[in-house]
Amino acid sequence: MIPTRVHGVIDYIVGIVLILAPYILGFADGTAAQWVPMILGITALIYSLLTRYELSIAKLIPMPVHLGLDIASGLLLAASPWLFGFADRIWWPHVLIGVLEIVIPLLTARHSSIETTVRA
């Protein structure tokens, strides 16, 4: 299992990558291809800052809810090229990161040491 502290590091990296990917990979064209990953990246950073785990600033969101948000985000990201009609221009970064956002939560511990302390 991936410890929640490691998952937190991954969360912040993925959030930043999602925001920067359209510019780095050349699809910052003002369309859904650009905005879907950017909005999901900003959202991921916000809920990561609010999750009950080691690397947040406010311990509000339980870890299982956070992992569910990650999976939902990954599903939307992976499907977005076809949902929003840009698969003919760019699809692979959305699918690649989307699949990672689905797999990583499935391999992550369901409760952080912080949650365990709070529950005790």
PDB file of N, CA and C in Angstrom:
ATOM      1  N   MET A   1       0.835  -1.193   0.000  1.00  0.00           N
ATOM      2  CA  MET A   1       0.000   0.000   0.000  1.00  0.00           C
ATOM      3  C   MET A   1       0.877   1.254   0.000  1.00  0.00           C
ATOM      4  N   ILE A   2       0.373   2.261  -0.648  1.00  0.00           N
ATOM      5  CA  ILE A   2       1.044   3.561  -0.661  1.00  0.00           C
ATOM      6  C   ILE A   2       0.642   4.295   0.622  1.00  0.00           C
ATOM      7  N   PRO A   3       1.610   4.734   1.424  1.00  0.00           N
ATOM      8  CA  PRO A   3       1.276   5.486   2.628  1.00  0.00           C
ATOM      9  C   PRO A   3       0.611   6.820   2.271  1.00  0.00           C
ATOM     10  N   THR A   4      -0.219   7.321   3.161  1.00  0.00           N
ATOM     11  CA  THR A   4      -0.929   8.570   2.868  1.00  0.00           C
ATOM     12  C   THR A   4       0.027   9.754   2.715  1.00  0.00           C
ATOM     13  N   ARG A   5       1.137   9.728   3.413  1.00  0.00           N
ATOM     14  CA  ARG A   5       2.117  10.818   3.252  1.00  0.00           C
ATOM     15  C   ARG A   5       2.661  10.823   1.816  1.00  0.00           C
ATOM     16  N   VAL A   6       2.989   9.673   1.282  1.00  0.00           N
ATOM     17  CA  VAL A   6       3.473   9.568  -0.102  1.00  0.00           C
ATOM     18  C   VAL A   6       2.356   9.966  -1.062  1.00  0.00           C
ATOM     19  N   HIS A   7       1.139   9.516  -0.773  1.00  0.00           N
ATOM     20  CA  HIS A   7      -0.003   9.892  -1.612  1.00  0.00           C
ATOM     21  C   HIS A   7      -0.148  11.418  -1.652  1.00  0.00           C
ATOM     22  N   GLY A   8       0.066  12.063  -0.513  1.00  0.00           N
ATOM     23  CA  GLY A   8      -0.011  13.522  -0.461  1.00  0.00           C
ATOM     24  C   GLY A   8       0.993  14.187  -1.389  1.00  0.00           C
ATOM     25  N   VAL A   9       2.216  13.687  -1.385  1.00  0.00           N
ATOM     26  CA  VAL A   9       3.236  14.233  -2.294  1.00  0.00           C
ATOM     27  C   VAL A   9       2.780  14.055  -3.740  1.00  0.00           C
ATOM     28  N   ILE A  10       2.274  12.869  -4.059  1.00  0.00           N
ATOM     29  CA  ILE A  10       1.781  12.594  -5.413  1.00  0.00           C
ATOM     30  C   ILE A  10       0.642  13.543  -5.762  1.00  0.00           C
ATOM     31  N   ASP A  11      -0.271  13.797  -4.809  1.00  0.00           N
ATOM     32  CA  ASP A  11      -1.399  14.699  -5.045  1.00  0.00           C
ATOM     33  C   ASP A  11      -0.924  16.071  -5.508  1.00  0.00           C
ATOM     34  N   TYR A  12       0.016  16.642  -4.788  1.00  0.00           N
ATOM     35  CA  TYR A  12       0.480  17.986  -5.124  1.00  0.00           C
ATOM     36  C   TYR A  12       1.232  18.001  -6.453  1.00  0.00           C
ATOM     37  N   ILE A  13       2.000  16.977  -6.727  1.00  0.00           N
ATOM     38  CA  ILE A  13       2.703  16.890  -8.010  1.00  0.00           C
ATOM     39  C   ILE A  13       1.696  16.779  -9.153  1.00  0.00           C
ATOM     40  N   VAL A  14       0.709  15.885  -9.014  1.00  0.00           N
ATOM     41  CA  VAL A  14      -0.297  15.696 -10.067  1.00  0.00           C
ATOM     42  C   VAL A  14      -1.093  16.982 -10.274  1.00  0.00           C
ATOM     43  N   GLY A  15      -1.478  17.654  -9.198  1.00  0.00           N
ATOM     44  CA  GLY A  15      -2.215  18.908  -9.331  1.00  0.00           C
ATOM     45  C   GLY A  15      -1.442  19.933 -10.143  1.00  0.00           C
ATOM     46  N   ILE A  16      -0.165  20.093  -9.839  1.00  0.00           N
ATOM     47  CA  ILE A  16       0.682  21.053 -10.568  1.00  0.00           C
ATOM     48  C   ILE A  16       0.878  20.609 -12.019  1.00  0.00           C
ATOM     49  N   VAL A  17       1.103  19.311 -12.229  1.00  0.00           N
ATOM     50  CA  VAL A  17       1.279  18.790 -13.593  1.00  0.00           C
ATOM     51  C   VAL A  17       0.023  19.041 -14.424  1.00  0.00           C
ATOM     52  N   LEU A  18      -1.148  18.821 -13.837  1.00  0.00           N
ATOM     53  CA  LEU A  18      -2.397  19.046 -14.576  1.00  0.00           C
ATOM     54  C   LEU A  18      -2.557  20.515 -14.972  1.00  0.00           C
ATOM     55  N   ILE A  19      -2.148  21.404 -14.110  1.00  0.00           N
ATOM     56  CA  ILE A  19      -2.241  22.831 -14.410  1.00  0.00           C
ATOM     57  C   ILE A  19      -1.257  23.230 -15.499  1.00  0.00           C
ATOM     58  N   LEU A  20      -0.052  22.688 -15.466  1.00  0.00           N
ATOM     59  CA  LEU A  20       1.000  23.088 -16.407  1.00  0.00           C
ATOM     60  C   LEU A  20       0.998  22.302 -17.721  1.00  0.00           C
ATOM     61  N   ALA A  21       0.455  21.098 -17.734  1.00  0.00           N
ATOM     62  CA  ALA A  21       0.519  20.226 -18.918  1.00  0.00           C
ATOM     63  C   ALA A  21       0.059  20.898 -20.215  1.00  0.00           C
ATOM     64  N   PRO A  22      -1.052  21.637 -20.214  1.00  0.00           N
ATOM     65  CA  PRO A  22      -1.465  22.249 -21.482  1.00  0.00           C
ATOM     66  C   PRO A  22      -0.411  23.185 -22.073  1.00  0.00           C
ATOM     67  N   TYR A  23       0.317  23.867 -21.210  1.00  0.00           N
ATOM     68  CA  TYR A  23       1.347  24.797 -21.688  1.00  0.00           C
ATOM     69  C   TYR A  23       2.609  24.043 -22.110  1.00  0.00           C
ATOM     70  N   ILE A  24       3.004  23.071 -21.322  1.00  0.00           N
ATOM     71  CA  ILE A  24       4.215  22.305 -21.617  1.00  0.00           C
ATOM     72  C   ILE A  24       4.038  21.455 -22.868  1.00  0.00           C
ATOM     73  N   LEU A  25       2.858  20.850 -23.027  1.00  0.00           N
ATOM     74  CA  LEU A  25       2.620  19.926 -24.140  1.00  0.00           C
ATOM     75  C   LEU A  25       1.950  20.583 -25.347  1.00  0.00           C
ATOM     76  N   GLY A  26       1.708  21.878 -25.273  1.00  0.00           N
ATOM     77  CA  GLY A  26       1.243  22.627 -26.439  1.00  0.00           C
ATOM     78  C   GLY A  26      -0.231  22.509 -26.769  1.00  0.00           C
ATOM     79  N   PHE A  27      -1.100  22.287 -25.776  1.00  0.00           N
ATOM     80  CA  PHE A  27      -2.528  22.308 -26.080  1.00  0.00           C
ATOM     81  C   PHE A  27      -3.274  23.357 -25.245  1.00  0.00           C
ATOM     82  N   ALA A  28      -2.566  24.430 -24.897  1.00  0.00           N
ATOM     83  CA  ALA A  28      -3.184  25.569 -24.211  1.00  0.00           C
ATOM     84  C   ALA A  28      -3.840  26.455 -25.265  1.00  0.00           C
ATOM     85  N   ASP A  29      -5.011  26.017 -25.725  1.00  0.00           N
ATOM     86  CA  ASP A  29      -5.695  26.688 -26.831  1.00  0.00           C
ATOM     87  C   ASP A  29      -7.040  27.279 -26.426  1.00  0.00           C
ATOM     88  N   GLY A  30      -7.320  27.335 -25.122  1.00  0.00           N
ATOM     89  CA  GLY A  30      -8.561  27.920 -24.644  1.00  0.00           C
ATOM     90  C   GLY A  30      -9.776  27.012 -24.759  1.00  0.00           C
ATOM     91  N   THR A  31      -9.573  25.762 -25.152  1.00  0.00           N
ATOM     92  CA  THR A  31     -10.681  24.819 -25.294  1.00  0.00           C
ATOM     93  C   THR A  31     -10.751  23.901 -24.076  1.00  0.00           C
ATOM     94  N   ALA A  32     -11.699  22.986 -24.103  1.00  0.00           N
ATOM     95  CA  ALA A  32     -11.845  22.012 -23.012  1.00  0.00           C
ATOM     96  C   ALA A  32     -10.582  21.181 -22.833  1.00  0.00           C
ATOM     97  N   ALA A  33      -9.839  20.944 -23.901  1.00  0.00           N
ATOM     98  CA  ALA A  33      -8.586  20.177 -23.801  1.00  0.00           C
ATOM     99  C   ALA A  33      -7.645  20.824 -22.791  1.00  0.00           C
ATOM    100  N   GLN A  34      -7.648  22.141 -22.737  1.00  0.00           N
ATOM    101  CA  GLN A  34      -6.824  22.879 -21.791  1.00  0.00           C
ATOM    102  C   GLN A  34      -7.505  22.988 -20.431  1.00  0.00           C
ATOM    103  N   TRP A  35      -8.769  23.362 -20.419  1.00  0.00           N
ATOM    104  CA  TRP A  35      -9.431  23.721 -19.171  1.00  0.00           C
ATOM    105  C   TRP A  35      -9.786  22.536 -18.284  1.00  0.00           C
ATOM    106  N   VAL A  36     -10.112  21.391 -18.861  1.00  0.00           N
ATOM    107  CA  VAL A  36     -10.462  20.236 -18.017  1.00  0.00           C
ATOM    108  C   VAL A  36      -9.302  19.860 -17.101  1.00  0.00           C
ATOM    109  N   PRO A  37      -8.091  19.630 -17.616  1.00  0.00           N
ATOM    110  CA  PRO A  37      -7.002  19.281 -16.690  1.00  0.00           C
ATOM    111  C   PRO A  37      -6.655  20.413 -15.724  1.00  0.00           C
ATOM    112  N   MET A  38      -6.734  21.644 -16.184  1.00  0.00           N
ATOM    113  CA  MET A  38      -6.394  22.760 -15.299  1.00  0.00           C
ATOM    114  C   MET A  38      -7.383  22.872 -14.142  1.00  0.00           C
ATOM    115  N   ILE A  39      -8.671  22.754 -14.431  1.00  0.00           N
ATOM    116  CA  ILE A  39      -9.686  22.832 -13.380  1.00  0.00           C
ATOM    117  C   ILE A  39      -9.559  21.646 -12.426  1.00  0.00           C
ATOM    118  N   LEU A  40      -9.334  20.453 -12.973  1.00  0.00           N
ATOM    119  CA  LEU A  40      -9.161  19.279 -12.118  1.00  0.00           C
ATOM    120  C   LEU A  40      -7.890  19.399 -11.271  1.00  0.00           C
ATOM    121  N   GLY A  41      -6.841  19.991 -11.824  1.00  0.00           N
ATOM    122  CA  GLY A  41      -5.602  20.195 -11.062  1.00  0.00           C
ATOM    123  C   GLY A  41      -5.798  21.167  -9.906  1.00  0.00           C
ATOM    124  N   ILE A  42      -6.482  22.270 -10.166  1.00  0.00           N
ATOM    125  CA  ILE A  42      -6.762  23.255  -9.114  1.00  0.00           C
ATOM    126  C   ILE A  42      -7.644  22.621  -8.042  1.00  0.00           C
ATOM    127  N   THR A  43      -8.661  21.888  -8.485  1.00  0.00           N
ATOM    128  CA  THR A  43      -9.564  21.217  -7.551  1.00  0.00           C
ATOM    129  C   THR A  43      -8.803  20.210  -6.684  1.00  0.00           C
ATOM    130  N   ALA A  44      -7.921  19.441  -7.302  1.00  0.00           N
ATOM    131  CA  ALA A  44      -7.131  18.451  -6.555  1.00  0.00           C
ATOM    132  C   ALA A  44      -6.255  19.129  -5.503  1.00  0.00           C
ATOM    133  N   LEU A  45      -5.662  20.251  -5.856  1.00  0.00           N
ATOM    134  CA  LEU A  45      -4.836  20.967  -4.879  1.00  0.00           C
ATOM    135  C   LEU A  45      -5.681  21.452  -3.700  1.00  0.00           C
ATOM    136  N   ILE A  46      -6.881  21.948  -4.007  1.00  0.00           N
ATOM    137  CA  ILE A  46      -7.751  22.453  -2.935  1.00  0.00           C
ATOM    138  C   ILE A  46      -8.180  21.328  -2.001  1.00  0.00           C
ATOM    139  N   TYR A  47      -8.698  20.216  -2.572  1.00  0.00           N
ATOM    140  CA  TYR A  47      -9.153  19.169  -1.656  1.00  0.00           C
ATOM    141  C   TYR A  47      -7.989  18.448  -0.980  1.00  0.00           C
ATOM    142  N   SER A  48      -6.811  18.502  -1.561  1.00  0.00           N
ATOM    143  CA  SER A  48      -5.633  17.947  -0.887  1.00  0.00           C
ATOM    144  C   SER A  48      -5.267  18.791   0.334  1.00  0.00           C
ATOM    145  N   LEU A  49      -5.391  20.088   0.201  1.00  0.00           N
ATOM    146  CA  LEU A  49      -5.106  20.981   1.328  1.00  0.00           C
ATOM    147  C   LEU A  49      -6.117  20.818   2.464  1.00  0.00           C
ATOM    148  N   LEU A  50      -7.283  20.232   2.151  1.00  0.00           N
ATOM    149  CA  LEU A  50      -8.358  20.083   3.131  1.00  0.00           C
ATOM    150  C   LEU A  50      -8.551  18.657   3.635  1.00  0.00           C
ATOM    151  N   THR A  51      -7.677  17.735   3.225  1.00  0.00           N
ATOM    152  CA  THR A  51      -7.825  16.321   3.577  1.00  0.00           C
ATOM    153  C   THR A  51      -7.181  16.006   4.919  1.00  0.00           C
ATOM    154  N   ARG A  52      -7.739  15.051   5.631  1.00  0.00           N
ATOM    155  CA  ARG A  52      -7.164  14.595   6.912  1.00  0.00           C
ATOM    156  C   ARG A  52      -5.997  13.672   6.637  1.00  0.00           C
ATOM    157  N   TYR A  53      -4.881  14.268   6.226  1.00  0.00           N
ATOM    158  CA  TYR A  53      -3.643  13.519   6.097  1.00  0.00           C
ATOM    159  C   TYR A  53      -2.468  14.428   6.381  1.00  0.00           C
ATOM    160  N   GLU A  54      -1.297  13.869   6.366  1.00  0.00           N
ATOM    161  CA  GLU A  54      -0.107  14.542   6.871  1.00  0.00           C
ATOM    162  C   GLU A  54       0.245  15.843   6.146  1.00  0.00           C
ATOM    163  N   LEU A  55      -0.098  15.992   4.899  1.00  0.00           N
ATOM    164  CA  LEU A  55       0.388  17.131   4.122  1.00  0.00           C
ATOM    165  C   LEU A  55      -0.687  18.170   3.809  1.00  0.00           C
ATOM    166  N   SER A  56      -1.679  18.282   4.674  1.00  0.00           N
ATOM    167  CA  SER A  56      -2.723  19.283   4.445  1.00  0.00           C
ATOM    168  C   SER A  56      -2.638  20.392   5.479  1.00  0.00           C
ATOM    169  N   ILE A  57      -3.384  21.459   5.229  1.00  0.00           N
ATOM    170  CA  ILE A  57      -3.398  22.564   6.186  1.00  0.00           C
ATOM    171  C   ILE A  57      -4.652  22.537   7.062  1.00  0.00           C
ATOM    172  N   ALA A  58      -5.716  21.929   6.572  1.00  0.00           N
ATOM    173  CA  ALA A  58      -6.967  21.801   7.335  1.00  0.00           C
ATOM    174  C   ALA A  58      -7.438  20.355   7.213  1.00  0.00           C
ATOM    175  N   LYS A  59      -7.650  19.726   8.310  1.00  0.00           N
ATOM    176  CA  LYS A  59      -7.987  18.288   8.326  1.00  0.00           C
ATOM    177  C   LYS A  59      -9.504  18.106   8.304  1.00  0.00           C
ATOM    178  N   LEU A  60     -10.136  18.397   7.165  1.00  0.00           N
ATOM    179  CA  LEU A  60     -11.596  18.362   7.078  1.00  0.00           C
ATOM    180  C   LEU A  60     -12.149  17.151   6.329  1.00  0.00           C
ATOM    181  N   ILE A  61     -11.519  16.765   5.241  1.00  0.00           N
ATOM    182  CA  ILE A  61     -12.046  15.706   4.376  1.00  0.00           C
ATOM    183  C   ILE A  61     -11.430  14.368   4.781  1.00  0.00           C
ATOM    184  N   PRO A  62     -12.258  13.357   5.092  1.00  0.00           N
ATOM    185  CA  PRO A  62     -11.710  12.034   5.427  1.00  0.00           C
ATOM    186  C   PRO A  62     -10.955  11.440   4.232  1.00  0.00           C
ATOM    187  N   MET A  63      -9.948  10.675   4.532  1.00  0.00           N
ATOM    188  CA  MET A  63      -9.123  10.069   3.490  1.00  0.00           C
ATOM    189  C   MET A  63      -9.934   9.238   2.497  1.00  0.00           C
ATOM    190  N   PRO A  64     -10.892   8.403   2.924  1.00  0.00           N
ATOM    191  CA  PRO A  64     -11.668   7.643   1.939  1.00  0.00           C
ATOM    192  C   PRO A  64     -12.440   8.549   0.964  1.00  0.00           C
ATOM    193  N   VAL A  65     -12.924   9.690   1.439  1.00  0.00           N
ATOM    194  CA  VAL A  65     -13.622  10.637   0.559  1.00  0.00           C
ATOM    195  C   VAL A  65     -12.628  11.228  -0.434  1.00  0.00           C
ATOM    196  N   HIS A  66     -11.456  11.591   0.052  1.00  0.00           N
ATOM    197  CA  HIS A  66     -10.400  12.121  -0.816  1.00  0.00           C
ATOM    198  C   HIS A  66     -10.066  11.120  -1.925  1.00  0.00           C
ATOM    199  N   LEU A  67      -9.912   9.860  -1.565  1.00  0.00           N
ATOM    200  CA  LEU A  67      -9.577   8.838  -2.561  1.00  0.00           C
ATOM    201  C   LEU A  67     -10.703   8.692  -3.583  1.00  0.00           C
ATOM    202  N   GLY A  68     -11.945   8.795  -3.141  1.00  0.00           N
ATOM    203  CA  GLY A  68     -13.076   8.764  -4.062  1.00  0.00           C
ATOM    204  C   GLY A  68     -13.055   9.946  -5.025  1.00  0.00           C
ATOM    205  N   LEU A  69     -12.692  11.125  -4.514  1.00  0.00           N
ATOM    206  CA  LEU A  69     -12.571  12.302  -5.375  1.00  0.00           C
ATOM    207  C   LEU A  69     -11.461  12.096  -6.410  1.00  0.00           C
ATOM    208  N   ASP A  70     -10.353  11.507  -5.991  1.00  0.00           N
ATOM    209  CA  ASP A  70      -9.260  11.211  -6.926  1.00  0.00           C
ATOM    210  C   ASP A  70      -9.746  10.299  -8.057  1.00  0.00           C
ATOM    211  N   ILE A  71     -10.473   9.249  -7.697  1.00  0.00           N
ATOM    212  CA  ILE A  71     -10.949   8.294  -8.700  1.00  0.00           C
ATOM    213  C   ILE A  71     -11.946   8.968  -9.640  1.00  0.00           C
ATOM    214  N   ALA A  72     -12.870   9.748  -9.087  1.00  0.00           N
ATOM    215  CA  ALA A  72     -13.846  10.457  -9.926  1.00  0.00           C
ATOM    216  C   ALA A  72     -13.146  11.429 -10.872  1.00  0.00           C
ATOM    217  N   SER A  73     -12.150  12.129 -10.370  1.00  0.00           N
ATOM    218  CA  SER A  73     -11.376  13.050 -11.192  1.00  0.00           C
ATOM    219  C   SER A  73     -10.651  12.300 -12.310  1.00  0.00           C
ATOM    220  N   GLY A  74     -10.063  11.159 -11.961  1.00  0.00           N
ATOM    221  CA  GLY A  74      -9.363  10.351 -12.959  1.00  0.00           C
ATOM    222  C   GLY A  74     -10.293   9.846 -14.048  1.00  0.00           C
ATOM    223  N   LEU A  75     -11.487   9.417 -13.652  1.00  0.00           N
ATOM    224  CA  LEU A  75     -12.466   8.948 -14.645  1.00  0.00           C
ATOM    225  C   LEU A  75     -12.866  10.076 -15.590  1.00  0.00           C
ATOM    226  N   LEU A  76     -13.154  11.245 -15.025  1.00  0.00           N
ATOM    227  CA  LEU A  76     -13.531  12.391 -15.860  1.00  0.00           C
ATOM    228  C   LEU A  76     -12.378  12.795 -16.777  1.00  0.00           C
ATOM    229  N   LEU A  77     -11.183  12.861 -16.233  1.00  0.00           N
ATOM    230  CA  LEU A  77     -10.017  13.253 -17.032  1.00  0.00           C
ATOM    231  C   LEU A  77      -9.771  12.271 -18.172  1.00  0.00           C
ATOM    232  N   ALA A  78      -9.812  10.976 -17.873  1.00  0.00           N
ATOM    233  CA  ALA A  78      -9.550   9.957 -18.898  1.00  0.00           C
ATOM    234  C   ALA A  78     -10.619   9.957 -19.987  1.00  0.00           C
ATOM    235  N   ALA A  79     -11.858  10.242 -19.621  1.00  0.00           N
ATOM    236  CA  ALA A  79     -12.957  10.250 -20.603  1.00  0.00           C
ATOM    237  C   ALA A  79     -13.109  11.593 -21.308  1.00  0.00           C
ATOM    238  N   SER A  80     -12.500  12.635 -20.786  1.00  0.00           N
ATOM    239  CA  SER A  80     -12.727  13.994 -21.283  1.00  0.00           C
ATOM    240  C   SER A  80     -12.441  14.206 -22.777  1.00  0.00           C
ATOM    241  N   PRO A  81     -11.423  13.572 -23.364  1.00  0.00           N
ATOM    242  CA  PRO A  81     -11.225  13.818 -24.799  1.00  0.00           C
ATOM    243  C   PRO A  81     -12.441  13.430 -25.651  1.00  0.00           C
ATOM    244  N   TRP A  82     -13.163  12.405 -25.215  1.00  0.00           N
ATOM    245  CA  TRP A  82     -14.335  11.952 -25.974  1.00  0.00           C
ATOM    246  C   TRP A  82     -15.597  12.668 -25.501  1.00  0.00           C
ATOM    247  N   LEU A  83     -15.685  12.944 -24.204  1.00  0.00           N
ATOM    248  CA  LEU A  83     -16.848  13.661 -23.673  1.00  0.00           C
ATOM    249  C   LEU A  83     -16.940  15.076 -24.233  1.00  0.00           C
ATOM    250  N   PHE A  84     -15.794  15.723 -24.385  1.00  0.00           N
ATOM    251  CA  PHE A  84     -15.766  17.118 -24.810  1.00  0.00           C
ATOM    252  C   PHE A  84     -15.290  17.311 -26.249  1.00  0.00           C
ATOM    253  N   GLY A  85     -15.073  16.219 -26.967  1.00  0.00           N
ATOM    254  CA  GLY A  85     -14.823  16.271 -28.398  1.00  0.00           C
ATOM    255  C   GLY A  85     -13.478  16.780 -28.863  1.00  0.00           C
ATOM    256  N   PHE A  86     -12.419  16.505 -28.110  1.00  0.00           N
ATOM    257  CA  PHE A  86     -11.103  16.932 -28.585  1.00  0.00           C
ATOM    258  C   PHE A  86     -10.140  15.760 -28.779  1.00  0.00           C
ATOM    259  N   ALA A  87     -10.653  14.545 -28.803  1.00  0.00           N
ATOM    260  CA  ALA A  87      -9.808  13.348 -28.941  1.00  0.00           C
ATOM    261  C   ALA A  87      -9.054  13.323 -30.264  1.00  0.00           C
ATOM    262  N   ASP A  88      -9.552  14.015 -31.271  1.00  0.00           N
ATOM    263  CA  ASP A  88      -8.864  14.047 -32.560  1.00  0.00           C
ATOM    264  C   ASP A  88      -7.608  14.925 -32.519  1.00  0.00           C
ATOM    265  N   ARG A  89      -7.491  15.804 -31.511  1.00  0.00           N
ATOM    266  CA  ARG A  89      -6.336  16.693 -31.392  1.00  0.00           C
ATOM    267  C   ARG A  89      -5.346  16.228 -30.331  1.00  0.00           C
ATOM    268  N   ILE A  90      -5.856  15.908 -29.147  1.00  0.00           N
ATOM    269  CA  ILE A  90      -4.990  15.501 -28.026  1.00  0.00           C
ATOM    270  C   ILE A  90      -5.808  14.621 -27.082  1.00  0.00           C
ATOM    271  N   TRP A  91      -5.218  13.510 -26.678  1.00  0.00           N
ATOM    272  CA  TRP A  91      -5.936  12.631 -25.752  1.00  0.00           C
ATOM    273  C   TRP A  91      -5.010  11.923 -24.769  1.00  0.00           C
ATOM    274  N   TRP A  92      -3.786  11.608 -25.194  1.00  0.00           N
ATOM    275  CA  TRP A  92      -2.931  10.739 -24.393  1.00  0.00           C
ATOM    276  C   TRP A  92      -2.579  11.293 -23.013  1.00  0.00           C
ATOM    277  N   PRO A  93      -2.314  12.622 -22.826  1.00  0.00           N
ATOM    278  CA  PRO A  93      -1.993  13.054 -21.456  1.00  0.00           C
ATOM    279  C   PRO A  93      -3.204  12.940 -20.521  1.00  0.00           C
ATOM    280  N   HIS A  94      -4.381  13.192 -21.070  1.00  0.00           N
ATOM    281  CA  HIS A  94      -5.607  13.103 -20.276  1.00  0.00           C
ATOM    282  C   HIS A  94      -5.842  11.656 -19.835  1.00  0.00           C
ATOM    283  N   VAL A  95      -5.665  10.737 -20.758  1.00  0.00           N
ATOM    284  CA  VAL A  95      -5.879   9.321 -20.444  1.00  0.00           C
ATOM    285  C   VAL A  95      -4.795   8.812 -19.494  1.00  0.00           C
ATOM    286  N   LEU A  96      -3.548   9.130 -19.767  1.00  0.00           N
ATOM    287  CA  LEU A  96      -2.439   8.658 -18.928  1.00  0.00           C
ATOM    288  C   LEU A  96      -2.580   9.132 -17.482  1.00  0.00           C
ATOM    289  N   ILE A  97      -2.763  10.422 -17.297  1.00  0.00           N
ATOM    290  CA  ILE A  97      -2.877  10.947 -15.933  1.00  0.00           C
ATOM    291  C   ILE A  97      -4.189  10.489 -15.305  1.00  0.00           C
ATOM    292  N   GLY A  98      -5.255  10.406 -16.101  1.00  0.00           N
ATOM    293  CA  GLY A  98      -6.529   9.918 -15.586  1.00  0.00           C
ATOM    294  C   GLY A  98      -6.424   8.506 -15.043  1.00  0.00           C
ATOM    295  N   VAL A  99      -5.760   7.638 -15.781  1.00  0.00           N
ATOM    296  CA  VAL A  99      -5.590   6.254 -15.322  1.00  0.00           C
ATOM    297  C   VAL A  99      -4.744   6.219 -14.045  1.00  0.00           C
ATOM    298  N   LEU A 100      -3.704   7.027 -13.987  1.00  0.00           N
ATOM    299  CA  LEU A 100      -2.893   7.097 -12.763  1.00  0.00           C
ATOM    300  C   LEU A 100      -3.735   7.566 -11.581  1.00  0.00           C
ATOM    301  N   GLU A 101      -4.641   8.522 -11.830  1.00  0.00           N
ATOM    302  CA  GLU A 101      -5.505   9.028 -10.758  1.00  0.00           C
ATOM    303  C   GLU A 101      -6.528   7.989 -10.298  1.00  0.00           C
ATOM    304  N   ILE A 102      -6.755   6.987 -11.093  1.00  0.00           N
ATOM    305  CA  ILE A 102      -7.640   5.888 -10.703  1.00  0.00           C
ATOM    306  C   ILE A 102      -6.851   4.813  -9.964  1.00  0.00           C
ATOM    307  N   VAL A 103      -5.682   4.462 -10.476  1.00  0.00           N
ATOM    308  CA  VAL A 103      -4.894   3.362  -9.916  1.00  0.00           C
ATOM    309  C   VAL A 103      -4.271   3.732  -8.569  1.00  0.00           C
ATOM    310  N   ILE A 104      -3.680   4.906  -8.470  1.00  0.00           N
ATOM    311  CA  ILE A 104      -2.971   5.291  -7.243  1.00  0.00           C
ATOM    312  C   ILE A 104      -3.888   5.272  -6.018  1.00  0.00           C
ATOM    313  N   PRO A 105      -5.105   5.825  -6.080  1.00  0.00           N
ATOM    314  CA  PRO A 105      -5.977   5.740  -4.893  1.00  0.00           C
ATOM    315  C   PRO A 105      -6.337   4.300  -4.514  1.00  0.00           C
ATOM    316  N   LEU A 106      -6.435   3.420  -5.502  1.00  0.00           N
ATOM    317  CA  LEU A 106      -6.749   2.029  -5.207  1.00  0.00           C
ATOM    318  C   LEU A 106      -5.613   1.336  -4.461  1.00  0.00           C
ATOM    319  N   LEU A 107      -4.406   1.883  -4.563  1.00  0.00           N
ATOM    320  CA  LEU A 107      -3.233   1.303  -3.909  1.00  0.00           C
ATOM    321  C   LEU A 107      -2.835   2.048  -2.637  1.00  0.00           C
ATOM    322  N   THR A 108      -3.607   3.061  -2.265  1.00  0.00           N
ATOM    323  CA  THR A 108      -3.266   3.912  -1.122  1.00  0.00           C
ATOM    324  C   THR A 108      -3.990   3.457   0.139  1.00  0.00           C
ATOM    325  N   ALA A 109      -3.306   3.590   1.268  1.00  0.00           N
ATOM    326  CA  ALA A 109      -3.916   3.296   2.575  1.00  0.00           C
ATOM    327  C   ALA A 109      -5.178   4.136   2.736  1.00  0.00           C
ATOM    328  N   ARG A 110      -6.198   3.557   3.320  1.00  0.00           N
ATOM    329  CA  ARG A 110      -7.501   4.229   3.462  1.00  0.00           C
ATOM    330  C   ARG A 110      -7.542   5.241   4.598  1.00  0.00           C
ATOM    331  N   HIS A 111      -6.609   5.125   5.535  1.00  0.00           N
ATOM    332  CA  HIS A 111      -6.608   6.036   6.675  1.00  0.00           C
ATOM    333  C   HIS A 111      -5.184   6.479   6.972  1.00  0.00           C
ATOM    334  N   SER A 112      -5.028   7.761   7.241  1.00  0.00           N
ATOM    335  CA  SER A 112      -3.714   8.298   7.592  1.00  0.00           C
ATOM    336  C   SER A 112      -3.464   8.110   9.083  1.00  0.00           C
ATOM    337  N   SER A 113      -2.249   8.331   9.507  1.00  0.00           N
ATOM    338  CA  SER A 113      -1.935   8.255  10.930  1.00  0.00           C
ATOM    339  C   SER A 113      -2.676   9.364  11.680  1.00  0.00           C
ATOM    340  N   ILE A 114      -2.950  10.451  11.015  1.00  0.00           N
ATOM    341  CA  ILE A 114      -3.703  11.549  11.628  1.00  0.00           C
ATOM    342  C   ILE A 114      -5.134  11.104  11.918  1.00  0.00           C
ATOM    343  N   GLU A 115      -5.762  10.427  10.960  1.00  0.00           N
ATOM    344  CA  GLU A 115      -7.125   9.942  11.160  1.00  0.00           C
ATOM    345  C   GLU A 115      -7.172   8.904  12.271  1.00  0.00           C
ATOM    346  N   THR A 116      -6.183   8.066  12.342  1.00  0.00           N
ATOM    347  CA  THR A 116      -6.135   7.043  13.368  1.00  0.00           C
ATOM    348  C   THR A 116      -6.054   7.697  14.748  1.00  0.00           C
ATOM    349  N   THR A 117      -5.256   8.760  14.860  1.00  0.00           N
ATOM    350  CA  THR A 117      -5.116   9.490  16.117  1.00  0.00           C
ATOM    351  C   THR A 117      -6.424  10.171  16.482  1.00  0.00           C
ATOM    352  N   VAL A 118      -7.091  10.782  15.497  1.00  0.00           N
ATOM    353  CA  VAL A 118      -8.349  11.477  15.733  1.00  0.00           C
ATOM    354  C   VAL A 118      -9.425  10.506  16.208  1.00  0.00           C
ATOM    355  N   ARG A 119      -9.458   9.304  15.626  1.00  0.00           N
ATOM    356  CA  ARG A 119     -10.479   8.313  15.975  1.00  0.00           C
ATOM    357  C   ARG A 119     -10.236   7.671  17.335  1.00  0.00           C
ATOM    358  N   ALA A 120      -8.985   7.656  17.790  1.00  0.00           N
ATOM    359  CA  ALA A 120      -8.656   6.950  19.047  1.00  0.00           C
ATOM    360  C   ALA A 120      -9.127   7.682  20.276  1.00  0.00           C
TER     361      ALA A 120
END
